């Protein structure tokens, strides 16, 4: 894949897991450790009917803005093609939307964030 066509997406969960990548994309994608400041993780239960075979526990972590700007979420940047990012958009629950965040190293990446509405 040509680097200009790869879109960086910050993930602290499923998108960085090999078994999920194989399930959604039918291949593995590049993954690099990363951190985003100004967010914290909340644990949200997953309803039984929404559990997937790749879910490790019956809850998901959701990154939400933190009051303490020193708070940070550790995760990974995954590099997705335009086709893969469309698949990821379709997978994400409707209560999430893709937004741009600035990573600790100063680079920008997409991140799935809770919708306001």
N, C-alpha and C. Protein backbone atom coordinates (compact mmCIF):
# COMPACT_ATOMS: atom_id res chain seq x y z
N UNK A 1 0.84 -1.18 0.00
CA UNK A 1 0.00 0.00 0.00
C UNK A 1 0.88 1.24 0.00
N UNK A 2 0.52 2.23 -0.76
CA UNK A 2 1.28 3.46 -0.85
C UNK A 2 1.04 4.30 0.41
N UNK A 3 2.10 4.79 1.09
CA UNK A 3 1.93 5.50 2.36
C UNK A 3 0.96 6.68 2.30
N UNK A 4 0.86 7.39 1.16
CA UNK A 4 -0.04 8.53 1.09
C UNK A 4 -1.51 8.11 1.17
N UNK A 5 -1.80 6.85 0.89
CA UNK A 5 -3.19 6.41 0.94
C UNK A 5 -3.55 5.81 2.30
N UNK A 6 -2.60 5.73 3.20
CA UNK A 6 -2.88 5.20 4.53
C UNK A 6 -3.36 6.31 5.45
N UNK A 7 -4.41 6.02 6.19
CA UNK A 7 -4.98 6.98 7.12
C UNK A 7 -4.70 6.52 8.54
N UNK A 8 -4.03 7.36 9.36
CA UNK A 8 -3.74 6.96 10.74
C UNK A 8 -4.98 7.04 11.61
N UNK A 9 -5.24 5.97 12.36
CA UNK A 9 -6.37 5.92 13.28
C UNK A 9 -5.84 5.50 14.64
N UNK A 10 -6.11 6.31 15.68
CA UNK A 10 -5.70 5.95 17.03
C UNK A 10 -6.72 4.96 17.58
N UNK A 11 -6.23 3.83 18.09
CA UNK A 11 -7.09 2.80 18.65
C UNK A 11 -6.55 2.38 20.01
N UNK A 12 -7.46 2.21 20.94
CA UNK A 12 -7.09 1.69 22.26
C UNK A 12 -7.80 0.36 22.49
N UNK A 13 -8.29 -0.23 21.41
CA UNK A 13 -9.07 -1.46 21.54
C UNK A 13 -8.99 -2.34 20.31
N UNK A 14 -10.16 -2.70 19.80
CA UNK A 14 -10.30 -3.75 18.79
C UNK A 14 -9.47 -3.53 17.53
N UNK A 15 -9.42 -2.33 17.01
CA UNK A 15 -8.72 -2.11 15.74
C UNK A 15 -7.24 -2.50 15.79
N UNK A 16 -6.67 -2.51 16.97
CA UNK A 16 -5.25 -2.86 17.09
C UNK A 16 -5.02 -4.36 17.29
N UNK A 17 -6.09 -5.11 17.51
CA UNK A 17 -5.95 -6.55 17.78
C UNK A 17 -5.90 -7.35 16.49
N UNK A 18 -4.89 -8.23 16.34
CA UNK A 18 -4.75 -9.01 15.10
C UNK A 18 -6.00 -9.82 14.74
N UNK A 19 -6.64 -10.46 15.73
CA UNK A 19 -7.80 -11.29 15.41
C UNK A 19 -8.96 -10.44 14.88
N UNK A 20 -9.09 -9.21 15.39
CA UNK A 20 -10.14 -8.32 14.90
C UNK A 20 -9.81 -7.83 13.49
N UNK A 21 -8.54 -7.48 13.25
CA UNK A 21 -8.12 -7.03 11.92
C UNK A 21 -8.39 -8.11 10.88
N UNK A 22 -8.05 -9.35 11.20
CA UNK A 22 -8.32 -10.45 10.26
C UNK A 22 -9.81 -10.60 9.99
N UNK A 23 -10.60 -10.46 11.05
CA UNK A 23 -12.05 -10.60 10.93
C UNK A 23 -12.67 -9.49 10.08
N UNK A 24 -12.23 -8.25 10.28
CA UNK A 24 -12.84 -7.11 9.58
C UNK A 24 -12.19 -6.84 8.22
N UNK A 25 -10.87 -6.93 8.15
CA UNK A 25 -10.14 -6.54 6.93
C UNK A 25 -9.61 -7.71 6.12
N UNK A 26 -9.66 -8.92 6.68
CA UNK A 26 -9.07 -10.12 6.05
C UNK A 26 -7.56 -10.00 5.89
N UNK A 27 -6.93 -9.17 6.70
CA UNK A 27 -5.48 -9.02 6.69
C UNK A 27 -5.06 -8.24 7.93
N UNK A 28 -3.76 -8.25 8.20
CA UNK A 28 -3.20 -7.45 9.29
C UNK A 28 -2.77 -6.10 8.74
N UNK A 29 -2.86 -5.07 9.57
CA UNK A 29 -2.43 -3.73 9.17
C UNK A 29 -1.32 -3.26 10.11
N UNK A 30 -0.58 -2.26 9.66
CA UNK A 30 0.52 -1.72 10.46
C UNK A 30 -0.01 -1.11 11.76
N UNK A 31 0.71 -1.37 12.86
CA UNK A 31 0.33 -0.90 14.19
C UNK A 31 1.57 -0.33 14.87
N UNK A 32 1.42 0.87 15.47
CA UNK A 32 2.52 1.51 16.19
C UNK A 32 2.00 2.00 17.55
N UNK A 33 2.77 1.83 18.63
CA UNK A 33 2.33 2.35 19.93
C UNK A 33 2.14 3.88 19.86
N UNK A 34 1.16 4.39 20.58
CA UNK A 34 0.88 5.82 20.60
C UNK A 34 0.14 6.18 21.88
N UNK A 35 0.04 7.47 22.14
CA UNK A 35 -0.67 7.97 23.33
C UNK A 35 -1.37 9.27 22.95
N UNK A 36 -2.58 9.45 23.50
CA UNK A 36 -3.29 10.71 23.32
C UNK A 36 -3.60 11.27 24.70
N UNK A 37 -3.25 12.54 24.90
CA UNK A 37 -3.48 13.20 26.20
C UNK A 37 -4.84 13.90 26.19
N UNK A 38 -5.34 14.15 27.41
CA UNK A 38 -6.60 14.86 27.55
C UNK A 38 -7.82 13.96 27.47
N UNK A 39 -7.60 12.64 27.50
CA UNK A 39 -8.69 11.67 27.49
C UNK A 39 -8.48 10.68 28.62
N UNK A 40 -9.56 10.02 29.01
CA UNK A 40 -9.50 8.92 29.97
C UNK A 40 -10.46 7.84 29.47
N UNK A 41 -10.27 6.62 29.97
CA UNK A 41 -11.13 5.51 29.57
C UNK A 41 -12.24 5.27 30.58
N UNK A 42 -13.45 5.05 30.08
CA UNK A 42 -14.57 4.60 30.90
C UNK A 42 -14.97 3.21 30.43
N UNK A 43 -15.37 2.36 31.35
CA UNK A 43 -15.83 1.01 31.00
C UNK A 43 -17.35 1.03 30.85
N UNK A 44 -17.82 0.55 29.71
CA UNK A 44 -19.25 0.53 29.41
C UNK A 44 -19.65 -0.91 29.12
N UNK A 45 -20.71 -1.42 29.77
CA UNK A 45 -21.13 -2.80 29.51
C UNK A 45 -21.59 -2.98 28.06
N UNK A 46 -21.32 -4.15 27.50
CA UNK A 46 -21.80 -4.51 26.17
C UNK A 46 -23.04 -5.38 26.36
N UNK A 47 -24.18 -4.99 25.78
CA UNK A 47 -25.35 -5.86 25.89
C UNK A 47 -25.05 -7.24 25.28
N UNK A 48 -25.59 -8.28 25.87
CA UNK A 48 -25.30 -9.66 25.44
C UNK A 48 -25.52 -9.86 23.95
N UNK A 49 -26.57 -9.25 23.40
CA UNK A 49 -26.86 -9.44 21.97
C UNK A 49 -25.85 -8.74 21.05
N UNK A 50 -25.01 -7.87 21.59
CA UNK A 50 -24.01 -7.17 20.79
C UNK A 50 -22.60 -7.74 20.95
N UNK A 51 -22.43 -8.73 21.82
CA UNK A 51 -21.11 -9.33 22.01
C UNK A 51 -20.65 -10.00 20.72
N UNK A 52 -19.38 -9.82 20.40
CA UNK A 52 -18.78 -10.43 19.22
C UNK A 52 -17.80 -11.52 19.64
N UNK A 53 -17.51 -12.46 18.75
CA UNK A 53 -16.53 -13.51 19.10
C UNK A 53 -15.16 -12.94 19.47
N UNK A 54 -14.81 -11.76 18.95
CA UNK A 54 -13.51 -11.17 19.25
C UNK A 54 -13.50 -10.36 20.55
N UNK A 55 -14.69 -10.17 21.18
CA UNK A 55 -14.74 -9.45 22.45
C UNK A 55 -14.13 -10.32 23.54
N UNK A 56 -13.22 -9.74 24.30
CA UNK A 56 -12.53 -10.48 25.35
C UNK A 56 -13.29 -10.45 26.67
N UNK A 57 -14.10 -9.38 26.89
CA UNK A 57 -14.85 -9.22 28.12
C UNK A 57 -16.20 -8.58 27.77
N UNK A 58 -17.18 -8.68 28.66
CA UNK A 58 -18.51 -8.13 28.34
C UNK A 58 -18.63 -6.62 28.58
N UNK A 59 -17.56 -5.89 28.34
CA UNK A 59 -17.61 -4.43 28.40
C UNK A 59 -16.62 -3.90 27.37
N UNK A 60 -16.81 -2.63 27.04
CA UNK A 60 -15.85 -1.97 26.15
C UNK A 60 -15.33 -0.73 26.85
N UNK A 61 -14.14 -0.35 26.50
CA UNK A 61 -13.57 0.89 27.01
C UNK A 61 -13.89 1.99 26.01
N UNK A 62 -14.29 3.14 26.55
CA UNK A 62 -14.64 4.29 25.72
C UNK A 62 -13.78 5.46 26.17
N UNK A 63 -13.09 6.09 25.23
CA UNK A 63 -12.28 7.27 25.55
C UNK A 63 -13.19 8.49 25.60
N UNK A 64 -13.12 9.20 26.69
CA UNK A 64 -13.90 10.42 26.86
C UNK A 64 -12.95 11.55 27.27
N UNK A 65 -13.30 12.79 26.92
CA UNK A 65 -12.45 13.90 27.33
C UNK A 65 -12.30 13.92 28.84
N UNK A 66 -11.09 14.22 29.29
CA UNK A 66 -10.79 14.26 30.72
C UNK A 66 -10.71 15.70 31.20
N UNK A 67 -11.10 15.93 32.44
CA UNK A 67 -10.95 17.25 33.04
C UNK A 67 -9.47 17.53 33.24
N UNK A 68 -8.74 16.52 33.69
CA UNK A 68 -7.30 16.63 33.91
C UNK A 68 -6.57 16.42 32.58
N UNK A 69 -6.01 17.50 32.05
CA UNK A 69 -5.35 17.41 30.74
C UNK A 69 -4.07 16.57 30.77
N UNK A 70 -3.61 16.19 31.97
CA UNK A 70 -2.47 15.28 32.06
C UNK A 70 -2.91 13.83 31.91
N UNK A 71 -4.22 13.57 31.94
CA UNK A 71 -4.71 12.22 31.71
C UNK A 71 -4.34 11.81 30.29
N UNK A 72 -4.13 10.51 30.11
CA UNK A 72 -3.75 10.03 28.77
C UNK A 72 -4.30 8.63 28.56
N UNK A 73 -4.51 8.31 27.31
CA UNK A 73 -4.91 6.97 26.90
C UNK A 73 -3.79 6.40 26.06
N UNK A 74 -3.29 5.25 26.46
CA UNK A 74 -2.29 4.54 25.68
C UNK A 74 -3.00 3.65 24.67
N UNK A 75 -2.45 3.58 23.50
CA UNK A 75 -3.05 2.75 22.46
C UNK A 75 -2.09 2.58 21.31
N UNK A 76 -2.64 2.56 20.12
CA UNK A 76 -1.86 2.30 18.92
C UNK A 76 -2.40 3.13 17.76
N UNK A 77 -1.53 3.46 16.85
CA UNK A 77 -1.96 4.02 15.57
C UNK A 77 -1.97 2.87 14.59
N UNK A 78 -3.13 2.66 13.97
CA UNK A 78 -3.24 1.68 12.90
C UNK A 78 -3.35 2.48 11.61
N UNK A 79 -2.72 1.98 10.57
CA UNK A 79 -2.72 2.68 9.28
C UNK A 79 -3.66 1.94 8.34
N UNK A 80 -4.74 2.64 7.96
CA UNK A 80 -5.79 2.01 7.18
C UNK A 80 -5.91 2.63 5.79
N UNK A 81 -6.26 1.80 4.84
CA UNK A 81 -6.56 2.29 3.50
C UNK A 81 -7.93 2.95 3.53
N UNK A 82 -8.29 3.73 2.52
CA UNK A 82 -9.64 4.30 2.47
C UNK A 82 -10.73 3.22 2.56
N UNK A 83 -10.53 2.08 1.92
CA UNK A 83 -11.50 0.99 1.97
C UNK A 83 -11.61 0.44 3.40
N UNK A 84 -10.47 0.25 4.06
CA UNK A 84 -10.48 -0.26 5.43
C UNK A 84 -11.13 0.71 6.40
N UNK A 85 -10.90 2.01 6.20
CA UNK A 85 -11.51 2.97 7.12
C UNK A 85 -13.02 3.00 6.94
N UNK A 86 -13.50 2.77 5.72
CA UNK A 86 -14.95 2.66 5.50
C UNK A 86 -15.51 1.46 6.25
N UNK A 87 -14.79 0.33 6.22
CA UNK A 87 -15.22 -0.85 6.97
C UNK A 87 -15.24 -0.57 8.47
N UNK A 88 -14.22 0.13 8.95
CA UNK A 88 -14.17 0.47 10.37
C UNK A 88 -15.32 1.41 10.74
N UNK A 89 -15.61 2.38 9.87
CA UNK A 89 -16.74 3.29 10.12
C UNK A 89 -18.05 2.50 10.21
N UNK A 90 -18.23 1.55 9.32
CA UNK A 90 -19.46 0.74 9.32
C UNK A 90 -19.55 -0.14 10.56
N UNK A 91 -18.40 -0.62 11.04
CA UNK A 91 -18.38 -1.47 12.24
C UNK A 91 -18.74 -0.68 13.49
N UNK A 92 -18.21 0.52 13.61
CA UNK A 92 -18.40 1.30 14.84
C UNK A 92 -19.88 1.55 15.09
N UNK A 93 -20.26 1.49 16.35
CA UNK A 93 -21.65 1.73 16.75
C UNK A 93 -22.05 3.15 16.37
N UNK A 94 -23.35 3.39 16.12
CA UNK A 94 -23.79 4.72 15.71
C UNK A 94 -23.52 5.81 16.75
N UNK A 95 -23.29 5.41 17.99
CA UNK A 95 -23.03 6.44 19.01
C UNK A 95 -21.57 6.93 19.01
N UNK A 96 -20.80 6.50 18.00
CA UNK A 96 -19.42 6.97 17.86
C UNK A 96 -19.26 7.66 16.52
N UNK A 97 -18.38 8.64 16.51
CA UNK A 97 -18.04 9.31 15.26
C UNK A 97 -16.52 9.49 15.21
N UNK A 98 -16.01 9.58 14.01
CA UNK A 98 -14.58 9.75 13.83
C UNK A 98 -14.24 11.23 13.94
N UNK A 99 -13.23 11.54 14.78
CA UNK A 99 -12.75 12.91 14.93
C UNK A 99 -11.23 12.90 14.93
N UNK A 100 -10.63 14.06 14.72
CA UNK A 100 -9.17 14.18 14.69
C UNK A 100 -8.66 14.52 16.08
N UNK A 101 -7.61 13.82 16.50
CA UNK A 101 -6.93 14.10 17.77
C UNK A 101 -5.45 14.33 17.49
N UNK A 102 -4.81 15.03 18.41
CA UNK A 102 -3.36 15.23 18.33
C UNK A 102 -2.73 14.26 19.31
N UNK A 103 -1.83 13.45 18.79
CA UNK A 103 -1.15 12.45 19.61
C UNK A 103 -0.02 13.10 20.40
N UNK A 104 0.47 12.38 21.38
CA UNK A 104 1.53 12.92 22.23
C UNK A 104 2.76 13.35 21.43
N UNK A 105 3.05 12.66 20.33
CA UNK A 105 4.22 13.02 19.51
C UNK A 105 3.96 14.20 18.58
N UNK A 106 2.75 14.79 18.65
CA UNK A 106 2.41 15.96 17.83
C UNK A 106 1.74 15.62 16.51
N UNK A 107 1.73 14.35 16.13
CA UNK A 107 1.06 13.97 14.88
C UNK A 107 -0.46 13.90 15.10
N UNK A 108 -1.18 13.89 14.02
CA UNK A 108 -2.64 13.83 14.08
C UNK A 108 -3.11 12.47 13.61
N UNK A 109 -4.24 12.05 14.18
CA UNK A 109 -4.83 10.77 13.77
C UNK A 109 -6.34 10.86 13.97
N UNK A 110 -7.05 10.03 13.23
CA UNK A 110 -8.48 9.86 13.49
C UNK A 110 -8.63 9.05 14.77
N UNK A 111 -9.76 9.26 15.45
CA UNK A 111 -10.08 8.48 16.64
C UNK A 111 -11.61 8.40 16.72
N UNK A 112 -12.14 7.25 17.07
CA UNK A 112 -13.58 7.10 17.25
C UNK A 112 -13.95 7.62 18.63
N UNK A 113 -14.80 8.64 18.64
CA UNK A 113 -15.20 9.32 19.87
C UNK A 113 -16.70 9.22 20.06
N UNK A 114 -17.17 9.27 21.31
CA UNK A 114 -18.61 9.24 21.53
C UNK A 114 -19.26 10.45 20.84
N UNK A 115 -20.40 10.21 20.18
CA UNK A 115 -21.16 11.29 19.54
C UNK A 115 -21.80 12.14 20.63
N UNK A 116 -22.04 13.38 20.30
CA UNK A 116 -22.70 14.28 21.26
C UNK A 116 -24.19 14.04 21.30
N UNK A 117 -24.74 13.48 20.21
CA UNK A 117 -26.19 13.35 20.16
C UNK A 117 -26.60 12.00 20.15
